[in-house]
Each structure stands twice: as C-alpha cells, then as structure tokens.
C-alpha cells in the first residue's frame, strides 16, 4: 500500500468517527453524603460541594477530564468558557 492510499484510507476512517455522539458534562463539584442525608433533602436544601465558589468547573467527555473552565451566561443558558486544556500523559 502506498503512503498516499494509506492517507486517503485514514482520512476516510476519521470521517466516519466525526459523527459519533459523545457525552459532554460540565461538573460544578461533588459531595459525599450518606443515605440518611440524601433522604432528608427537600425543596430549598443546600448541598455543599467540594469546590470553592467561583472556582473552575471540570469539562468531561465520556467521563474523561479534558478541560477546565468558567461558567458563563449565553443568552438564557449556561455555558463553559475553556480556560485550561488537560494535557494527555506522554508515553511511559
């Protein structure tokens, strides 16, 4: 197989992947709670998160951390402005 035909085949393979849906999640923070604490939750309850107010949110793709950013308002919705891309670990 020539180098050019391999490049064409690789490009076609990548094109197939371009429409694969991914789950993107912006995670504001987490909290650990017991079952009894969860059962006590109701309207108006406040859950303290293990993250500082105004701190960055994590951006996950298929549950893998890829970036961090800040929450922004986009019209009537929330969005995330990426401020840091997470580096992939090098070969090891």
N, C-alpha and C. Protein backbone atom coordinates (compact mmCIF):
# COMPACT_ATOMS: atom_id res chain seq x y z
N UNK A 1 0.86 -1.17 0.00
CA UNK A 1 0.00 0.00 0.00
C UNK A 1 0.90 1.23 0.00
N UNK A 2 0.60 2.18 -0.88
CA UNK A 2 1.41 3.39 -0.95
C UNK A 2 1.04 4.34 0.19
N UNK A 3 1.93 5.27 0.44
CA UNK A 3 1.70 6.25 1.51
C UNK A 3 0.45 7.07 1.22
N UNK A 4 0.24 7.46 -0.06
CA UNK A 4 -0.93 8.26 -0.42
C UNK A 4 -2.23 7.49 -0.20
N UNK A 5 -2.27 6.23 -0.58
CA UNK A 5 -3.51 5.45 -0.39
C UNK A 5 -3.78 5.21 1.09
N UNK A 6 -2.73 5.08 1.90
CA UNK A 6 -2.91 4.93 3.35
C UNK A 6 -3.48 6.22 3.94
N UNK A 7 -2.99 7.38 3.50
CA UNK A 7 -3.51 8.66 3.97
C UNK A 7 -4.99 8.81 3.62
N UNK A 8 -5.36 8.42 2.42
CA UNK A 8 -6.76 8.52 1.98
C UNK A 8 -7.63 7.60 2.83
N UNK A 9 -7.16 6.36 3.08
CA UNK A 9 -7.92 5.43 3.91
C UNK A 9 -8.06 5.94 5.34
N UNK A 10 -6.97 6.49 5.90
CA UNK A 10 -7.01 7.04 7.26
C UNK A 10 -7.98 8.21 7.34
N UNK A 11 -7.99 9.08 6.34
CA UNK A 11 -8.91 10.23 6.32
C UNK A 11 -10.35 9.75 6.26
N UNK A 12 -10.62 8.71 5.49
CA UNK A 12 -11.98 8.17 5.41
C UNK A 12 -12.39 7.56 6.75
N UNK A 13 -11.48 6.88 7.42
CA UNK A 13 -11.77 6.30 8.73
C UNK A 13 -12.08 7.39 9.75
N UNK A 14 -11.31 8.47 9.73
CA UNK A 14 -11.54 9.57 10.66
C UNK A 14 -12.89 10.22 10.37
N UNK A 15 -13.24 10.37 9.10
CA UNK A 15 -14.52 10.99 8.73
C UNK A 15 -15.69 10.20 9.29
N UNK A 16 -15.60 8.88 9.33
CA UNK A 16 -16.65 8.04 9.90
C UNK A 16 -16.84 8.37 11.38
N UNK A 17 -15.76 8.66 12.09
CA UNK A 17 -15.82 8.94 13.52
C UNK A 17 -16.36 10.33 13.85
N UNK A 18 -16.32 11.25 12.90
CA UNK A 18 -16.70 12.63 13.16
C UNK A 18 -18.15 12.80 13.60
N UNK A 19 -19.03 11.87 13.28
CA UNK A 19 -20.44 11.98 13.65
C UNK A 19 -20.83 11.08 14.82
N UNK A 20 -19.84 10.48 15.49
CA UNK A 20 -20.12 9.65 16.66
C UNK A 20 -20.47 10.58 17.83
N UNK A 21 -21.64 10.38 18.45
CA UNK A 21 -22.03 11.26 19.56
C UNK A 21 -21.20 10.98 20.80
N UNK A 22 -20.87 12.06 21.52
CA UNK A 22 -20.11 11.97 22.76
C UNK A 22 -20.91 12.64 23.87
N UNK A 23 -20.78 12.15 25.09
CA UNK A 23 -21.43 12.75 26.25
C UNK A 23 -20.49 13.81 26.82
N UNK A 24 -20.89 15.08 26.79
CA UNK A 24 -20.10 16.17 27.33
C UNK A 24 -20.76 16.66 28.62
N UNK A 25 -19.99 16.72 29.70
CA UNK A 25 -20.52 17.10 31.01
C UNK A 25 -19.68 18.21 31.60
N UNK A 26 -20.34 19.23 32.14
CA UNK A 26 -19.65 20.27 32.92
C UNK A 26 -19.96 19.97 34.37
N UNK A 27 -18.94 19.66 35.14
CA UNK A 27 -19.12 19.26 36.54
C UNK A 27 -18.74 20.42 37.45
N UNK A 28 -19.73 20.92 38.16
CA UNK A 28 -19.54 22.04 39.07
C UNK A 28 -18.82 21.62 40.34
N UNK A 29 -19.08 20.43 40.82
CA UNK A 29 -18.45 19.93 42.03
C UNK A 29 -19.12 18.64 42.48
N UNK A 30 -18.60 18.07 43.55
CA UNK A 30 -19.15 16.83 44.08
C UNK A 30 -19.29 16.93 45.59
N UNK A 31 -20.03 15.99 46.14
CA UNK A 31 -20.23 15.93 47.58
C UNK A 31 -20.49 14.48 47.96
N UNK A 32 -20.00 14.07 49.09
CA UNK A 32 -20.29 12.73 49.61
C UNK A 32 -21.35 12.87 50.69
N UNK A 33 -22.38 12.05 50.57
CA UNK A 33 -23.48 12.08 51.53
C UNK A 33 -23.90 10.67 51.87
N UNK A 34 -24.38 10.49 53.09
CA UNK A 34 -24.92 9.20 53.49
C UNK A 34 -26.35 9.07 52.96
N UNK A 35 -26.86 7.87 52.97
CA UNK A 35 -28.23 7.64 52.54
C UNK A 35 -29.20 8.47 53.37
N UNK A 36 -28.97 8.52 54.68
CA UNK A 36 -29.90 9.27 55.54
C UNK A 36 -29.87 10.77 55.21
N UNK A 37 -28.69 11.30 54.85
CA UNK A 37 -28.60 12.71 54.46
C UNK A 37 -29.35 12.97 53.15
N UNK A 38 -29.23 12.06 52.21
CA UNK A 38 -29.93 12.21 50.93
C UNK A 38 -31.44 12.16 51.15
N UNK A 39 -31.89 11.27 52.02
CA UNK A 39 -33.33 11.15 52.27
C UNK A 39 -33.90 12.39 52.95
N UNK A 40 -33.08 13.17 53.60
CA UNK A 40 -33.53 14.39 54.27
C UNK A 40 -33.62 15.58 53.30
N UNK A 41 -33.12 15.44 52.07
CA UNK A 41 -33.13 16.54 51.12
C UNK A 41 -34.55 16.88 50.70
N UNK A 42 -34.78 18.14 50.52
CA UNK A 42 -36.08 18.60 50.06
C UNK A 42 -35.93 19.94 49.36
N UNK A 43 -37.02 20.51 48.93
CA UNK A 43 -37.00 21.80 48.27
C UNK A 43 -36.33 22.82 49.19
N UNK A 44 -35.35 23.53 48.66
CA UNK A 44 -34.63 24.53 49.44
C UNK A 44 -33.39 24.00 50.13
N UNK A 45 -33.18 22.68 50.12
CA UNK A 45 -31.97 22.12 50.73
C UNK A 45 -30.74 22.62 49.98
N UNK A 46 -29.67 22.79 50.69
CA UNK A 46 -28.40 23.20 50.08
C UNK A 46 -27.38 22.09 50.29
N UNK A 47 -26.71 21.71 49.21
CA UNK A 47 -25.66 20.70 49.26
C UNK A 47 -24.33 21.41 49.07
N UNK A 48 -23.46 21.30 50.06
CA UNK A 48 -22.15 21.93 49.96
C UNK A 48 -21.25 21.06 49.09
N UNK A 49 -20.64 21.69 48.09
CA UNK A 49 -19.78 20.97 47.16
C UNK A 49 -18.32 21.10 47.58
N UNK A 50 -17.53 20.13 47.18
CA UNK A 50 -16.10 20.12 47.48
C UNK A 50 -15.34 20.96 46.45
N UNK A 51 -15.81 22.18 46.24
CA UNK A 51 -15.20 23.08 45.26
C UNK A 51 -15.44 24.51 45.73
N UNK A 52 -14.48 25.38 45.58
CA UNK A 52 -14.63 26.76 46.00
C UNK A 52 -15.58 27.51 45.06
N UNK A 53 -16.37 28.41 45.63
CA UNK A 53 -17.24 29.25 44.82
C UNK A 53 -16.38 30.07 43.87
N UNK A 54 -16.79 30.15 42.63
CA UNK A 54 -16.03 30.89 41.63
C UNK A 54 -14.87 30.12 41.04
N UNK A 55 -14.64 28.92 41.53
CA UNK A 55 -13.55 28.10 41.00
C UNK A 55 -13.91 27.50 39.65
N UNK A 56 -12.94 26.91 38.99
CA UNK A 56 -13.20 26.34 37.67
C UNK A 56 -14.10 25.11 37.74
N UNK A 57 -14.85 24.89 36.66
CA UNK A 57 -15.64 23.67 36.53
C UNK A 57 -14.86 22.70 35.64
N UNK A 58 -15.08 21.41 35.85
CA UNK A 58 -14.42 20.39 35.04
C UNK A 58 -15.27 20.10 33.81
N UNK A 59 -14.63 19.96 32.66
CA UNK A 59 -15.31 19.59 31.43
C UNK A 59 -14.89 18.17 31.09
N UNK A 60 -15.86 17.26 31.07
CA UNK A 60 -15.59 15.85 30.82
C UNK A 60 -16.23 15.42 29.51
N UNK A 61 -15.54 14.58 28.76
CA UNK A 61 -16.09 13.96 27.56
C UNK A 61 -16.06 12.46 27.80
N UNK A 62 -17.24 11.85 27.78
CA UNK A 62 -17.37 10.43 28.09
C UNK A 62 -16.66 10.09 29.41
N UNK A 63 -16.90 10.93 30.41
CA UNK A 63 -16.40 10.76 31.78
C UNK A 63 -14.88 10.93 31.91
N UNK A 64 -14.21 11.45 30.89
CA UNK A 64 -12.77 11.71 30.94
C UNK A 64 -12.55 13.22 31.00
N UNK A 65 -11.78 13.68 31.97
CA UNK A 65 -11.49 15.09 32.11
C UNK A 65 -10.64 15.57 30.94
N UNK A 66 -11.13 16.58 30.21
CA UNK A 66 -10.37 17.10 29.07
C UNK A 66 -10.00 18.57 29.24
N UNK A 67 -10.76 19.30 30.10
CA UNK A 67 -10.51 20.73 30.24
C UNK A 67 -11.14 21.25 31.53
N UNK A 68 -10.77 22.48 31.87
CA UNK A 68 -11.42 23.21 32.96
C UNK A 68 -11.83 24.56 32.41
N UNK A 69 -12.84 25.16 33.03
CA UNK A 69 -13.29 26.45 32.53
C UNK A 69 -14.13 27.18 33.54
N UNK A 70 -14.68 28.30 33.09
CA UNK A 70 -15.52 29.13 33.95
C UNK A 70 -16.93 29.15 33.40
N UNK A 71 -17.89 29.22 34.31
CA UNK A 71 -19.30 29.26 33.91
C UNK A 71 -19.60 30.65 33.36
N UNK A 72 -20.29 30.67 32.22
CA UNK A 72 -20.71 31.92 31.60
C UNK A 72 -22.19 31.83 31.24
N UNK A 73 -22.82 32.98 31.05
CA UNK A 73 -24.20 33.02 30.60
C UNK A 73 -24.20 33.23 29.09
N UNK A 74 -24.99 32.40 28.39
CA UNK A 74 -25.15 32.52 26.95
C UNK A 74 -26.64 32.66 26.69
N UNK A 75 -27.08 33.89 26.43
CA UNK A 75 -28.50 34.20 26.35
C UNK A 75 -29.16 33.76 27.66
N UNK A 76 -30.08 32.80 27.60
CA UNK A 76 -30.75 32.34 28.82
C UNK A 76 -30.21 31.01 29.32
N UNK A 77 -29.10 30.57 28.77
CA UNK A 77 -28.50 29.28 29.15
C UNK A 77 -27.14 29.51 29.79
N UNK A 78 -26.65 28.48 30.44
CA UNK A 78 -25.29 28.49 30.96
C UNK A 78 -24.36 27.87 29.93
N UNK A 79 -23.11 28.25 29.97
CA UNK A 79 -22.08 27.67 29.12
C UNK A 79 -20.79 27.59 29.91
N UNK A 80 -19.75 27.06 29.29
CA UNK A 80 -18.43 26.98 29.92
C UNK A 80 -17.41 27.55 28.95
N UNK A 81 -16.66 28.55 29.42
CA UNK A 81 -15.53 29.08 28.64
C UNK A 81 -14.30 28.31 29.08
N UNK A 82 -13.67 27.62 28.14
CA UNK A 82 -12.49 26.80 28.47
C UNK A 82 -11.31 27.71 28.78
N UNK A 83 -10.71 27.47 29.94
CA UNK A 83 -9.54 28.24 30.37
C UNK A 83 -8.28 27.40 30.45
N UNK A 84 -8.45 26.07 30.45
CA UNK A 84 -7.29 25.18 30.58
C UNK A 84 -7.60 23.85 29.90
N UNK A 85 -6.76 23.43 28.98
CA UNK A 85 -6.86 22.10 28.39
C UNK A 85 -5.98 21.17 29.20
N UNK A 86 -6.49 19.99 29.49
CA UNK A 86 -5.74 19.00 30.26
C UNK A 86 -4.79 18.27 29.33
N UNK A 87 -3.53 18.22 29.72
CA UNK A 87 -2.53 17.53 28.90
C UNK A 87 -2.66 16.02 29.05
N UNK A 88 -2.59 15.33 27.94
CA UNK A 88 -2.59 13.87 27.99
C UNK A 88 -1.23 13.41 28.48
N UNK A 89 -1.20 12.34 29.29
CA UNK A 89 0.10 11.83 29.74
C UNK A 89 0.89 11.29 28.54
N UNK A 90 2.18 11.53 28.54
CA UNK A 90 3.02 11.05 27.46
C UNK A 90 3.25 9.56 27.57
N UNK A 91 3.84 8.96 26.52
CA UNK A 91 4.13 7.52 26.59
C UNK A 91 5.09 7.23 27.71
N UNK A 92 4.80 6.14 28.38
CA UNK A 92 5.54 5.99 29.54
C UNK A 92 6.35 4.92 29.93
